Amino acid sequence: MARKQSDYLAALLDNDQGDTEGAPSPAPQPRARPTTLLSRESALARIQSGEVRQVTQLWLDPARVRVWPGNARFYAQLTEENCRELIESIIAEGGQKVPAVVRRISGDPDHDYEVVAGTRRHWSISWLRAHSYPHLQFLAQVAQLDDEAAFRLADLENRVRKDVSDLERARNYAVALRSYYGGHVTRMADRLNISKGWLSKTLKVATIPDAVLAAFGS
């Protein structure tokens, strides 16, 4: 299951097309590679034609990128400790190697993009820039996505990550059920390609009161 979802996510953002271009990036980081999904259907185009029209890879200042609230992960709970492995990997490799997925926004004077998938990468690069690595930039693929497509893409990535808690996922699903699927569990399950039974059980986790959760240390 995890391998299948991982391969599917990779297919959504296939970046083997296009020529090299973009603003110069600090050595030894590579130059940006744009990708235009035109000559063949991507997996995402097959499930919802037209939602993703272009994907471009860029180096960004993380301070100009906010986190999309539709992502499952609780950004405020990220710390140096729970991001330590990723931080050490970025340092060892001389920069971020796996791009996040962002989309361009408007109407926010403080930010130009928001993170759809890659919250821990954004947090880790931001932390490193504030702790002796000010030259590091945030590597991201810029995609054109509406909210429902952004949710599905973020869900595909988070589904294969063990560090996203059941509570984070459940509450994210509960919000999505109301926001994108009109409260219809069957419709949502079909869109996410998961079983209705599993989704129903996951949604029940979101109903656990905060008072009960507060009784547990983790």
N, C-alpha and C. Protein backbone atom coordinates (compact mmCIF):
# COMPACT_ATOMS: atom_id res chain seq x y z
N MET A 1 0.83 -1.21 0.00
CA MET A 1 0.00 0.00 0.00
C MET A 1 0.86 1.25 0.00
N ALA A 2 1.86 1.30 0.94
CA ALA A 2 2.72 2.47 1.03
C ALA A 2 3.50 2.67 -0.26
N ARG A 3 4.03 1.57 -0.83
CA ARG A 3 4.81 1.68 -2.06
C ARG A 3 3.94 2.19 -3.21
N LYS A 4 2.70 1.68 -3.26
CA LYS A 4 1.78 2.09 -4.32
C LYS A 4 1.49 3.57 -4.22
N GLN A 5 1.22 4.08 -3.02
CA GLN A 5 0.91 5.49 -2.85
C GLN A 5 2.13 6.34 -3.14
N SER A 6 3.32 5.87 -2.72
CA SER A 6 4.54 6.62 -2.98
C SER A 6 4.81 6.75 -4.48
N ASP A 7 4.63 5.64 -5.20
CA ASP A 7 4.83 5.69 -6.65
C ASP A 7 3.81 6.60 -7.31
N TYR A 8 2.59 6.58 -6.78
CA TYR A 8 1.53 7.41 -7.36
C TYR A 8 1.84 8.89 -7.17
N LEU A 9 2.31 9.26 -5.96
CA LEU A 9 2.67 10.65 -5.70
C LEU A 9 3.79 11.10 -6.62
N ALA A 10 4.77 10.21 -6.83
CA ALA A 10 5.87 10.56 -7.74
C ALA A 10 5.35 10.81 -9.15
N ALA A 11 4.37 10.03 -9.56
CA ALA A 11 3.80 10.20 -10.90
C ALA A 11 3.06 11.52 -11.02
N LEU A 12 2.46 11.98 -9.92
CA LEU A 12 1.73 13.25 -9.97
C LEU A 12 2.63 14.41 -10.33
N LEU A 13 3.84 14.35 -9.82
CA LEU A 13 4.76 15.47 -9.98
C LEU A 13 6.00 15.06 -10.76
N ASP A 14 5.81 14.25 -11.77
CA ASP A 14 6.89 13.80 -12.64
C ASP A 14 7.58 15.00 -13.24
N ASN A 15 8.90 15.14 -13.03
CA ASN A 15 9.61 16.33 -13.51
C ASN A 15 10.72 15.98 -14.47
N ASP A 16 10.45 15.02 -15.38
CA ASP A 16 11.49 14.63 -16.32
C ASP A 16 11.37 15.36 -17.65
N GLN A 17 10.52 16.41 -17.72
CA GLN A 17 10.38 17.17 -18.94
C GLN A 17 10.90 18.58 -18.73
N GLY A 18 11.19 19.28 -19.79
CA GLY A 18 11.56 20.69 -19.70
C GLY A 18 13.05 20.90 -19.67
N ASP A 19 13.47 22.12 -19.99
CA ASP A 19 14.87 22.50 -19.99
C ASP A 19 15.22 23.15 -18.67
N THR A 20 16.48 23.28 -18.39
CA THR A 20 16.95 23.89 -17.15
C THR A 20 16.87 25.40 -17.27
N GLU A 21 16.23 26.02 -16.25
CA GLU A 21 16.20 27.48 -16.19
C GLU A 21 15.90 27.89 -14.78
N GLY A 22 15.86 29.22 -14.52
CA GLY A 22 15.53 29.72 -13.20
C GLY A 22 16.66 30.54 -12.63
N ALA A 23 16.39 31.17 -11.50
CA ALA A 23 17.39 32.03 -10.86
C ALA A 23 18.55 31.21 -10.36
N PRO A 24 19.78 31.77 -10.38
CA PRO A 24 20.95 31.05 -9.87
C PRO A 24 20.74 30.69 -8.41
N SER A 25 21.18 29.51 -8.03
CA SER A 25 21.04 29.06 -6.67
C SER A 25 22.41 28.83 -6.06
N PRO A 26 22.51 28.93 -4.71
CA PRO A 26 23.81 28.81 -4.05
C PRO A 26 24.42 27.43 -4.30
N ALA A 27 25.73 27.39 -4.56
CA ALA A 27 26.43 26.12 -4.73
C ALA A 27 26.35 25.35 -3.42
N PRO A 28 26.20 24.02 -3.47
CA PRO A 28 26.19 23.19 -4.67
C PRO A 28 24.79 22.86 -5.16
N GLN A 29 23.81 23.72 -4.86
CA GLN A 29 22.44 23.42 -5.21
C GLN A 29 22.24 23.54 -6.71
N PRO A 30 21.37 22.67 -7.29
CA PRO A 30 21.14 22.69 -8.73
C PRO A 30 20.27 23.86 -9.14
N ARG A 31 20.32 24.19 -10.44
CA ARG A 31 19.44 25.21 -10.97
C ARG A 31 18.04 24.63 -11.12
N ALA A 32 17.05 25.51 -11.12
CA ALA A 32 15.67 25.07 -11.20
C ALA A 32 15.37 24.44 -12.54
N ARG A 33 14.47 23.46 -12.52
CA ARG A 33 14.04 22.78 -13.75
C ARG A 33 12.54 22.92 -13.89
N PRO A 34 12.05 23.64 -14.88
CA PRO A 34 10.61 23.74 -15.05
C PRO A 34 10.05 22.48 -15.67
N THR A 35 8.81 22.19 -15.37
CA THR A 35 8.15 21.03 -15.94
C THR A 35 6.76 21.43 -16.40
N THR A 36 6.43 21.22 -17.66
CA THR A 36 5.11 21.50 -18.18
C THR A 36 4.45 20.19 -18.58
N LEU A 37 3.31 19.91 -17.98
CA LEU A 37 2.63 18.65 -18.22
C LEU A 37 1.73 18.80 -19.44
N LEU A 38 2.30 18.62 -20.62
CA LEU A 38 1.57 18.82 -21.86
C LEU A 38 1.53 17.58 -22.73
N SER A 39 2.69 16.95 -22.96
CA SER A 39 2.77 15.90 -23.97
C SER A 39 2.12 14.59 -23.55
N ARG A 40 2.02 14.34 -22.24
CA ARG A 40 1.36 13.11 -21.80
C ARG A 40 0.56 13.39 -20.54
N GLU A 41 -0.45 12.60 -20.34
CA GLU A 41 -1.29 12.78 -19.16
C GLU A 41 -0.52 12.40 -17.91
N SER A 42 -0.60 13.22 -16.89
CA SER A 42 -0.06 12.84 -15.59
C SER A 42 -1.14 12.08 -14.83
N ALA A 43 -0.75 11.46 -13.73
CA ALA A 43 -1.74 10.74 -12.94
C ALA A 43 -2.82 11.67 -12.42
N LEU A 44 -2.43 12.86 -11.98
CA LEU A 44 -3.41 13.79 -11.46
C LEU A 44 -4.34 14.27 -12.56
N ALA A 45 -3.83 14.47 -13.76
CA ALA A 45 -4.68 14.88 -14.88
C ALA A 45 -5.70 13.79 -15.19
N ARG A 46 -5.32 12.54 -14.99
CA ARG A 46 -6.25 11.45 -15.26
C ARG A 46 -7.39 11.42 -14.27
N ILE A 47 -7.11 11.81 -12.99
CA ILE A 47 -8.18 11.74 -12.01
C ILE A 47 -8.98 13.04 -11.92
N GLN A 48 -8.42 14.13 -12.39
CA GLN A 48 -9.18 15.38 -12.40
C GLN A 48 -8.57 16.32 -13.42
N SER A 49 -8.94 16.13 -14.65
CA SER A 49 -8.33 16.83 -15.78
C SER A 49 -8.41 18.34 -15.61
N GLY A 50 -7.25 18.98 -15.81
CA GLY A 50 -7.21 20.43 -15.83
C GLY A 50 -6.82 21.08 -14.53
N GLU A 51 -6.78 20.34 -13.43
CA GLU A 51 -6.46 20.97 -12.15
C GLU A 51 -4.97 21.29 -12.04
N VAL A 52 -4.13 20.48 -12.61
CA VAL A 52 -2.70 20.74 -12.61
C VAL A 52 -2.27 20.98 -14.04
N ARG A 53 -1.89 22.20 -14.34
CA ARG A 53 -1.54 22.55 -15.70
C ARG A 53 -0.04 22.74 -15.87
N GLN A 54 0.63 23.14 -14.81
CA GLN A 54 2.05 23.39 -14.94
C GLN A 54 2.74 23.20 -13.60
N VAL A 55 3.92 22.63 -13.61
CA VAL A 55 4.71 22.45 -12.40
C VAL A 55 6.10 23.01 -12.66
N THR A 56 6.54 23.95 -11.84
CA THR A 56 7.85 24.58 -11.99
C THR A 56 8.62 24.45 -10.70
N GLN A 57 9.88 24.07 -10.77
CA GLN A 57 10.72 23.89 -9.59
C GLN A 57 11.58 25.12 -9.37
N LEU A 58 11.55 25.67 -8.15
CA LEU A 58 12.25 26.91 -7.83
C LEU A 58 12.91 26.82 -6.46
N TRP A 59 13.91 27.71 -6.25
CA TRP A 59 14.49 27.92 -4.93
C TRP A 59 13.83 29.17 -4.35
N LEU A 60 13.26 29.06 -3.14
CA LEU A 60 12.49 30.14 -2.54
C LEU A 60 13.02 30.50 -1.16
N ASP A 61 12.78 31.75 -0.78
CA ASP A 61 13.03 32.19 0.59
C ASP A 61 11.89 31.64 1.45
N PRO A 62 12.16 30.77 2.42
CA PRO A 62 11.07 30.18 3.21
C PRO A 62 10.23 31.22 3.96
N ALA A 63 10.82 32.38 4.23
CA ALA A 63 10.07 33.42 4.93
C ALA A 63 8.94 33.97 4.07
N ARG A 64 9.05 33.80 2.74
CA ARG A 64 8.02 34.27 1.83
C ARG A 64 7.00 33.18 1.50
N VAL A 65 7.09 32.07 2.22
CA VAL A 65 6.21 30.93 1.98
C VAL A 65 5.46 30.61 3.28
N ARG A 66 4.15 30.62 3.22
CA ARG A 66 3.36 30.25 4.39
C ARG A 66 2.89 28.80 4.24
N VAL A 67 2.35 28.24 5.32
CA VAL A 67 1.88 26.85 5.29
C VAL A 67 0.37 26.84 5.07
N TRP A 68 -0.07 26.07 4.09
CA TRP A 68 -1.50 25.96 3.80
C TRP A 68 -2.21 25.28 4.96
N PRO A 69 -3.27 25.89 5.49
CA PRO A 69 -3.96 25.29 6.64
C PRO A 69 -4.66 23.98 6.32
N GLY A 70 -4.81 23.64 5.04
CA GLY A 70 -5.45 22.39 4.67
C GLY A 70 -4.56 21.17 4.82
N ASN A 71 -3.28 21.38 5.16
CA ASN A 71 -2.38 20.25 5.36
C ASN A 71 -2.63 19.61 6.71
N ALA A 72 -2.43 18.30 6.81
CA ALA A 72 -2.75 17.57 8.04
C ALA A 72 -1.82 17.89 9.20
N ARG A 73 -0.56 18.15 8.90
CA ARG A 73 0.44 18.26 9.98
C ARG A 73 0.24 19.52 10.82
N PHE A 74 0.42 19.38 12.14
CA PHE A 74 0.34 20.52 13.04
C PHE A 74 1.70 21.24 13.05
N TYR A 75 1.80 22.32 12.30
CA TYR A 75 3.08 23.02 12.13
C TYR A 75 3.63 23.51 13.47
N ALA A 76 2.75 23.98 14.34
CA ALA A 76 3.18 24.53 15.62
C ALA A 76 3.83 23.48 16.52
N GLN A 77 3.61 22.20 16.23
CA GLN A 77 4.18 21.15 17.06
C GLN A 77 5.52 20.63 16.52
N LEU A 78 5.99 21.18 15.42
CA LEU A 78 7.30 20.79 14.89
C LEU A 78 8.40 21.42 15.72
N THR A 79 9.44 20.64 16.00
CA THR A 79 10.53 21.10 16.84
C THR A 79 11.86 20.60 16.27
N GLU A 80 12.94 21.13 16.82
CA GLU A 80 14.26 20.65 16.41
C GLU A 80 14.38 19.15 16.67
N GLU A 81 13.81 18.68 17.75
CA GLU A 81 13.91 17.27 18.11
C GLU A 81 13.18 16.38 17.11
N ASN A 82 11.92 16.70 16.80
CA ASN A 82 11.20 15.79 15.91
C ASN A 82 11.51 16.00 14.43
N CYS A 83 12.33 17.03 14.13
CA CYS A 83 12.82 17.22 12.76
C CYS A 83 14.32 16.96 12.65
N ARG A 84 14.93 16.42 13.71
CA ARG A 84 16.38 16.27 13.76
C ARG A 84 16.93 15.45 12.61
N GLU A 85 16.32 14.34 12.29
CA GLU A 85 16.82 13.48 11.22
C GLU A 85 16.83 14.23 9.89
N LEU A 86 15.76 14.97 9.61
CA LEU A 86 15.68 15.73 8.37
C LEU A 86 16.70 16.87 8.36
N ILE A 87 16.85 17.55 9.47
CA ILE A 87 17.82 18.64 9.57
C ILE A 87 19.23 18.12 9.29
N GLU A 88 19.59 17.00 9.91
CA GLU A 88 20.92 16.43 9.70
C GLU A 88 21.12 15.99 8.25
N SER A 89 20.07 15.48 7.63
CA SER A 89 20.16 15.08 6.23
C SER A 89 20.40 16.28 5.32
N ILE A 90 19.70 17.38 5.58
CA ILE A 90 19.89 18.59 4.77
C ILE A 90 21.31 19.12 4.92
N ILE A 91 21.83 19.11 6.13
CA ILE A 91 23.20 19.58 6.37
C ILE A 91 24.20 18.67 5.64
N ALA A 92 24.03 17.37 5.78
CA ALA A 92 24.95 16.41 5.17
C ALA A 92 24.96 16.51 3.64
N GLU A 93 23.81 16.80 3.05
CA GLU A 93 23.70 16.85 1.59
C GLU A 93 23.94 18.24 1.02
N GLY A 94 24.21 19.20 1.89
CA GLY A 94 24.49 20.56 1.42
C GLY A 94 23.27 21.31 0.96
N GLY A 95 22.10 20.87 1.39
CA GLY A 95 20.87 21.55 1.00
C GLY A 95 19.73 20.56 0.84
N GLN A 96 18.56 21.07 0.66
CA GLN A 96 17.37 20.23 0.47
C GLN A 96 17.40 19.58 -0.91
N LYS A 97 17.15 18.29 -0.96
CA LYS A 97 17.19 17.55 -2.23
C LYS A 97 15.80 17.18 -2.75
N VAL A 98 14.88 16.93 -1.84
CA VAL A 98 13.52 16.55 -2.25
C VAL A 98 12.63 17.78 -2.20
N PRO A 99 12.07 18.21 -3.32
CA PRO A 99 11.27 19.44 -3.32
C PRO A 99 9.94 19.26 -2.62
N ALA A 100 9.48 20.35 -2.01
CA ALA A 100 8.13 20.40 -1.49
C ALA A 100 7.20 20.79 -2.65
N VAL A 101 5.91 20.83 -2.38
CA VAL A 101 4.94 21.29 -3.38
C VAL A 101 4.26 22.53 -2.82
N VAL A 102 4.28 23.61 -3.57
CA VAL A 102 3.65 24.86 -3.16
C VAL A 102 2.74 25.35 -4.28
N ARG A 103 1.91 26.32 -3.95
CA ARG A 103 1.14 27.00 -4.98
C ARG A 103 1.22 28.51 -4.74
N ARG A 104 1.13 29.25 -5.81
CA ARG A 104 1.23 30.71 -5.73
C ARG A 104 -0.04 31.28 -5.13
N ILE A 105 0.11 32.33 -4.31
CA ILE A 105 -1.04 32.99 -3.70
C ILE A 105 -1.02 34.47 -4.01
N SER A 106 -2.11 35.13 -3.78
CA SER A 106 -2.21 36.57 -3.99
C SER A 106 -2.95 37.19 -2.81
N GLY A 107 -2.80 38.48 -2.64
CA GLY A 107 -3.50 39.18 -1.57
C GLY A 107 -2.83 39.12 -0.22
N ASP A 108 -1.65 38.55 -0.14
CA ASP A 108 -0.90 38.46 1.11
C ASP A 108 0.43 39.17 0.91
N PRO A 109 0.61 40.36 1.46
CA PRO A 109 1.86 41.11 1.23
C PRO A 109 3.10 40.46 1.81
N ASP A 110 2.93 39.52 2.73
CA ASP A 110 4.07 38.89 3.40
C ASP A 110 4.51 37.57 2.77
N HIS A 111 3.67 37.00 1.91
CA HIS A 111 3.97 35.69 1.34
C HIS A 111 3.61 35.64 -0.14
N ASP A 112 4.38 34.86 -0.88
CA ASP A 112 4.14 34.67 -2.31
C ASP A 112 3.60 33.28 -2.63
N TYR A 113 3.86 32.31 -1.74
CA TYR A 113 3.46 30.92 -1.97
C TYR A 113 2.97 30.32 -0.66
N GLU A 114 2.30 29.16 -0.76
CA GLU A 114 1.95 28.40 0.43
C GLU A 114 2.27 26.93 0.20
N VAL A 115 2.70 26.27 1.27
CA VAL A 115 3.11 24.87 1.20
C VAL A 115 1.88 23.97 1.18
N VAL A 116 1.79 23.12 0.15
CA VAL A 116 0.75 22.11 0.06
C VAL A 116 1.27 20.79 0.65
N ALA A 117 2.48 20.42 0.29
CA ALA A 117 3.11 19.20 0.80
C ALA A 117 4.59 19.50 1.04
N GLY A 118 5.06 19.24 2.24
CA GLY A 118 6.45 19.52 2.57
C GLY A 118 6.60 20.42 3.78
N THR A 119 5.68 20.30 4.72
CA THR A 119 5.68 21.16 5.91
C THR A 119 6.96 21.01 6.73
N ARG A 120 7.40 19.77 6.95
CA ARG A 120 8.62 19.55 7.73
C ARG A 120 9.84 20.10 7.01
N ARG A 121 9.88 19.99 5.69
CA ARG A 121 10.99 20.56 4.93
C ARG A 121 11.03 22.08 5.08
N HIS A 122 9.86 22.71 5.04
CA HIS A 122 9.79 24.16 5.22
C HIS A 122 10.27 24.56 6.62
N TRP A 123 9.79 23.83 7.63
CA TRP A 123 10.19 24.16 9.00
C TRP A 123 11.69 23.98 9.18
N SER A 124 12.23 22.89 8.66
CA SER A 124 13.65 22.57 8.84
C SER A 124 14.55 23.58 8.14
N ILE A 125 14.20 23.98 6.92
CA ILE A 125 15.01 24.99 6.22
C ILE A 125 14.93 26.32 6.97
N SER A 126 13.75 26.67 7.46
CA SER A 126 13.60 27.92 8.22
C SER A 126 14.44 27.88 9.48
N TRP A 127 14.44 26.73 10.16
CA TRP A 127 15.24 26.60 11.38
C TRP A 127 16.73 26.69 11.07
N LEU A 128 17.17 26.04 10.03
CA LEU A 128 18.58 26.07 9.66
C LEU A 128 19.04 27.47 9.27
N ARG A 129 18.19 28.21 8.58
CA ARG A 129 18.55 29.58 8.20
C ARG A 129 18.75 30.46 9.43
N ALA A 130 18.04 30.15 10.50
CA ALA A 130 18.17 30.91 11.74
C ALA A 130 19.28 30.39 12.64
N HIS A 131 19.89 29.25 12.25
CA HIS A 131 20.93 28.63 13.07
C HIS A 131 22.13 28.26 12.21
N SER A 132 22.84 29.27 11.77
CA SER A 132 24.16 29.13 11.13
C SER A 132 24.14 28.73 9.66
N TYR A 133 22.98 28.63 9.03
CA TYR A 133 22.93 28.29 7.60
C TYR A 133 22.02 29.27 6.85
N PRO A 134 22.35 30.57 6.90
CA PRO A 134 21.46 31.59 6.30
C PRO A 134 21.36 31.51 4.78
N HIS A 135 22.28 30.79 4.12
CA HIS A 135 22.29 30.72 2.66
C HIS A 135 21.29 29.70 2.11
N LEU A 136 20.80 28.80 2.96
CA LEU A 136 19.92 27.73 2.46
C LEU A 136 18.60 28.30 1.96
N GLN A 137 18.10 27.70 0.88
CA GLN A 137 16.82 28.08 0.33
C GLN A 137 15.87 26.89 0.31
N PHE A 138 14.61 27.19 0.16
CA PHE A 138 13.54 26.19 0.21
C PHE A 138 13.24 25.73 -1.22
N LEU A 139 13.50 24.45 -1.51
CA LEU A 139 13.28 23.90 -2.83
C LEU A 139 11.82 23.44 -2.96
N ALA A 140 11.13 23.94 -3.98
CA ALA A 140 9.71 23.63 -4.12
C ALA A 140 9.30 23.54 -5.57
N GLN A 141 8.32 22.70 -5.82
CA GLN A 141 7.66 22.66 -7.11
C GLN A 141 6.38 23.48 -7.01
N VAL A 142 6.21 24.40 -7.93
CA VAL A 142 5.05 25.29 -7.93
C VAL A 142 3.98 24.68 -8.84
N ALA A 143 2.85 24.33 -8.26
CA ALA A 143 1.78 23.68 -9.02
C ALA A 143 0.50 24.50 -8.96
N GLN A 144 -0.29 24.40 -10.01
CA GLN A 144 -1.61 25.04 -10.04
C GLN A 144 -2.62 24.02 -9.53
N LEU A 145 -3.16 24.28 -8.33
CA LEU A 145 -4.07 23.34 -7.68
C LEU A 145 -5.23 24.08 -7.04
N ASP A 146 -6.44 23.55 -7.16
CA ASP A 146 -7.52 24.09 -6.35
C ASP A 146 -7.45 23.41 -4.98
N ASP A 147 -8.30 23.82 -4.04
CA ASP A 147 -8.18 23.33 -2.68
C ASP A 147 -8.38 21.82 -2.57
N GLU A 148 -9.37 21.29 -3.30
CA GLU A 148 -9.63 19.85 -3.20
C GLU A 148 -8.49 19.04 -3.78
N ALA A 149 -7.93 19.49 -4.91
CA ALA A 149 -6.79 18.80 -5.50
C ALA A 149 -5.57 18.91 -4.59
N ALA A 150 -5.38 20.08 -3.96
CA ALA A 150 -4.27 20.26 -3.02
C ALA A 150 -4.41 19.32 -1.84
N PHE A 151 -5.63 19.16 -1.35
CA PHE A 151 -5.86 18.24 -0.23
C PHE A 151 -5.51 16.81 -0.62
N ARG A 152 -5.95 16.37 -1.80
CA ARG A 152 -5.67 15.00 -2.21
C ARG A 152 -4.18 14.77 -2.41
N LEU A 153 -3.50 15.73 -2.97
CA LEU A 153 -2.06 15.57 -3.18
C LEU A 153 -1.32 15.50 -1.84
N ALA A 154 -1.68 16.42 -0.91
CA ALA A 154 -1.05 16.40 0.41
C ALA A 154 -1.36 15.10 1.14
N ASP A 155 -2.58 14.60 0.98
CA ASP A 155 -2.96 13.35 1.63
C ASP A 155 -2.15 12.17 1.10
N LEU A 156 -1.90 12.15 -0.21
CA LEU A 156 -1.10 11.06 -0.78
C LEU A 156 0.29 11.02 -0.18
N GLU A 157 0.89 12.19 0.00
CA GLU A 157 2.22 12.22 0.59
C GLU A 157 2.17 11.85 2.06
N ASN A 158 1.22 12.40 2.79
CA ASN A 158 1.15 12.15 4.23
C ASN A 158 0.79 10.71 4.57
N ARG A 159 0.08 10.04 3.68
CA ARG A 159 -0.34 8.68 3.94
C ARG A 159 0.84 7.71 4.09
N VAL A 160 1.97 8.02 3.48
CA VAL A 160 3.13 7.14 3.57
C VAL A 160 4.12 7.60 4.64
N ARG A 161 3.73 8.60 5.42
CA ARG A 161 4.62 9.12 6.46
C ARG A 161 4.12 8.71 7.84
N LYS A 162 4.96 8.00 8.58
CA LYS A 162 4.58 7.49 9.89
C LYS A 162 4.51 8.60 10.94
N ASP A 163 5.17 9.74 10.69
CA ASP A 163 5.20 10.78 11.70
C ASP A 163 3.98 11.71 11.66
N VAL A 164 3.04 11.45 10.76
CA VAL A 164 1.75 12.14 10.80
C VAL A 164 0.84 11.31 11.69
N SER A 165 0.37 11.88 12.79
CA SER A 165 -0.40 11.11 13.76
C SER A 165 -1.81 10.81 13.26
N ASP A 166 -2.42 9.81 13.86
CA ASP A 166 -3.80 9.47 13.52
C ASP A 166 -4.73 10.65 13.80
N LEU A 167 -4.44 11.38 14.87
CA LEU A 167 -5.28 12.53 15.22
C LEU A 167 -5.15 13.63 14.17
N GLU A 168 -3.92 13.93 13.75
CA GLU A 168 -3.72 14.95 12.71
C GLU A 168 -4.47 14.56 11.44
N ARG A 169 -4.31 13.30 11.03
CA ARG A 169 -4.97 12.84 9.81
C ARG A 169 -6.49 12.87 9.95
N ALA A 170 -7.00 12.43 11.08
CA ALA A 170 -8.44 12.37 11.28
C ALA A 170 -9.07 13.77 11.26
N ARG A 171 -8.46 14.71 11.94
CA ARG A 171 -9.02 16.06 11.96
C ARG A 171 -8.91 16.73 10.58
N ASN A 172 -7.84 16.43 9.88
CA ASN A 172 -7.69 16.94 8.52
C ASN A 172 -8.79 16.38 7.61
N TYR A 173 -9.09 15.10 7.75
CA TYR A 173 -10.14 14.46 6.96
C TYR A 173 -11.51 15.03 7.30
N ALA A 174 -11.74 15.29 8.59
CA ALA A 174 -13.04 15.83 9.01
C ALA A 174 -13.30 17.20 8.39
N VAL A 175 -12.28 18.03 8.36
CA VAL A 175 -12.42 19.36 7.75
C VAL A 175 -12.65 19.21 6.25
N ALA A 176 -11.89 18.32 5.61
CA ALA A 176 -12.02 18.11 4.17
C ALA A 176 -13.40 17.58 3.81
N LEU A 177 -13.93 16.68 4.65
CA LEU A 177 -15.26 16.11 4.40
C LEU A 177 -16.31 17.20 4.30
N ARG A 178 -16.23 18.19 5.20
CA ARG A 178 -17.19 19.29 5.18
C ARG A 178 -16.89 20.27 4.05
N SER A 179 -15.60 20.55 3.84
CA SER A 179 -15.22 21.62 2.92
C SER A 179 -15.31 21.25 1.45
N TYR A 180 -14.98 19.98 1.12
CA TYR A 180 -14.83 19.60 -0.29
C TYR A 180 -15.83 18.54 -0.76
N TYR A 181 -16.44 17.81 0.18
CA TYR A 181 -17.26 16.67 -0.23
C TYR A 181 -18.69 16.73 0.30
N GLY A 182 -19.08 17.88 0.80
CA GLY A 182 -20.46 18.07 1.23
C GLY A 182 -20.92 17.11 2.30
N GLY A 183 -19.98 16.58 3.09
CA GLY A 183 -20.32 15.64 4.15
C GLY A 183 -20.58 14.22 3.67
N HIS A 184 -20.32 13.94 2.39
CA HIS A 184 -20.59 12.61 1.83
C HIS A 184 -19.34 11.72 1.94
N VAL A 185 -19.38 10.77 2.86
CA VAL A 185 -18.23 9.90 3.11
C VAL A 185 -17.90 9.04 1.88
N THR A 186 -18.93 8.53 1.23
CA THR A 186 -18.70 7.68 0.06
C THR A 186 -17.99 8.45 -1.04
N ARG A 187 -18.43 9.65 -1.29
CA ARG A 187 -17.81 10.48 -2.32
C ARG A 187 -16.34 10.75 -1.99
N MET A 188 -16.07 11.08 -0.73
CA MET A 188 -14.70 11.37 -0.32
C MET A 188 -13.83 10.13 -0.46
N ALA A 189 -14.35 8.98 -0.03
CA ALA A 189 -13.58 7.74 -0.12
C ALA A 189 -13.24 7.42 -1.58
N ASP A 190 -14.19 7.64 -2.46
CA ASP A 190 -13.95 7.38 -3.88
C ASP A 190 -12.87 8.30 -4.42
N ARG A 191 -12.91 9.57 -4.04
CA ARG A 191 -11.93 10.54 -4.53
C ARG A 191 -10.52 10.23 -4.02
N LEU A 192 -10.44 9.71 -2.80
CA LEU A 192 -9.13 9.41 -2.21
C LEU A 192 -8.68 7.98 -2.51
N ASN A 193 -9.55 7.21 -3.14
CA ASN A 193 -9.23 5.82 -3.47
C ASN A 193 -8.91 5.01 -2.22
N ILE A 194 -9.75 5.18 -1.19
CA ILE A 194 -9.62 4.42 0.06
C ILE A 194 -10.98 3.81 0.38
N SER A 195 -11.02 2.86 1.30
CA SER A 195 -12.28 2.21 1.63
C SER A 195 -13.14 3.12 2.50
N LYS A 196 -14.45 3.02 2.30
CA LYS A 196 -15.38 3.82 3.09
C LYS A 196 -15.30 3.43 4.56
N GLY A 197 -15.13 2.13 4.83
CA GLY A 197 -15.04 1.67 6.21
C GLY A 197 -13.85 2.26 6.93
N TRP A 198 -12.68 2.25 6.27
CA TRP A 198 -11.47 2.81 6.90
C TRP A 198 -11.63 4.30 7.13
N LEU A 199 -12.21 5.00 6.16
CA LEU A 199 -12.40 6.44 6.30
C LEU A 199 -13.36 6.74 7.45
N SER A 200 -14.44 5.98 7.57
CA SER A 200 -15.40 6.19 8.65
C SER A 200 -14.75 6.02 10.02
N LYS A 201 -13.91 4.99 10.14
CA LYS A 201 -13.21 4.76 11.42
C LYS A 201 -12.23 5.91 11.72
N THR A 202 -11.54 6.38 10.68
CA THR A 202 -10.60 7.48 10.88
C THR A 202 -11.32 8.74 11.31
N LEU A 203 -12.47 9.02 10.70
CA LEU A 203 -13.23 10.21 11.05
C LEU A 203 -13.70 10.18 12.50
N LYS A 204 -13.93 8.99 13.06
CA LYS A 204 -14.36 8.89 14.45
C LYS A 204 -13.27 9.38 15.40
N VAL A 205 -12.01 9.21 14.99
CA VAL A 205 -10.89 9.68 15.83
C VAL A 205 -10.98 11.19 16.02
N ALA A 206 -11.45 11.89 14.99
CA ALA A 206 -11.54 13.36 15.05
C ALA A 206 -12.55 13.84 16.08
N THR A 207 -13.45 12.96 16.51
CA THR A 207 -14.49 13.35 17.47
C THR A 207 -14.05 13.20 18.92
N ILE A 208 -12.85 12.66 19.14
CA ILE A 208 -12.37 12.51 20.52
C ILE A 208 -12.20 13.90 21.14
N PRO A 209 -12.81 14.17 22.28
CA PRO A 209 -12.74 15.50 22.90
C PRO A 209 -11.31 15.86 23.32
N ASP A 210 -10.99 17.15 23.26
CA ASP A 210 -9.66 17.61 23.68
C ASP A 210 -9.39 17.27 25.14
N ALA A 211 -10.43 17.25 25.96
CA ALA A 211 -10.25 16.92 27.39
C ALA A 211 -9.73 15.50 27.57
N VAL A 212 -10.18 14.60 26.72
CA VAL A 212 -9.69 13.21 26.77
C VAL A 212 -8.24 13.15 26.27
N LEU A 213 -7.97 13.84 25.17
CA LEU A 213 -6.62 13.86 24.62
C LEU A 213 -5.61 14.44 25.61
N ALA A 214 -6.05 15.45 26.38
CA ALA A 214 -5.16 16.11 27.34
C ALA A 214 -4.72 15.18 28.45
N ALA A 215 -5.43 14.06 28.61
CA ALA A 215 -5.07 13.10 29.68
C ALA A 215 -3.84 12.26 29.31
N PHE A 216 -3.44 12.36 28.04
CA PHE A 216 -2.30 11.56 27.57
C PHE A 216 -1.10 12.46 27.30
N GLY A 217 0.08 11.95 27.61
CA GLY A 217 1.29 12.74 27.44
C GLY A 217 1.68 12.92 25.99
N SER A 218 1.25 12.04 25.11
CA SER A 218 1.62 12.11 23.69
C SER A 218 0.38 11.88 22.84
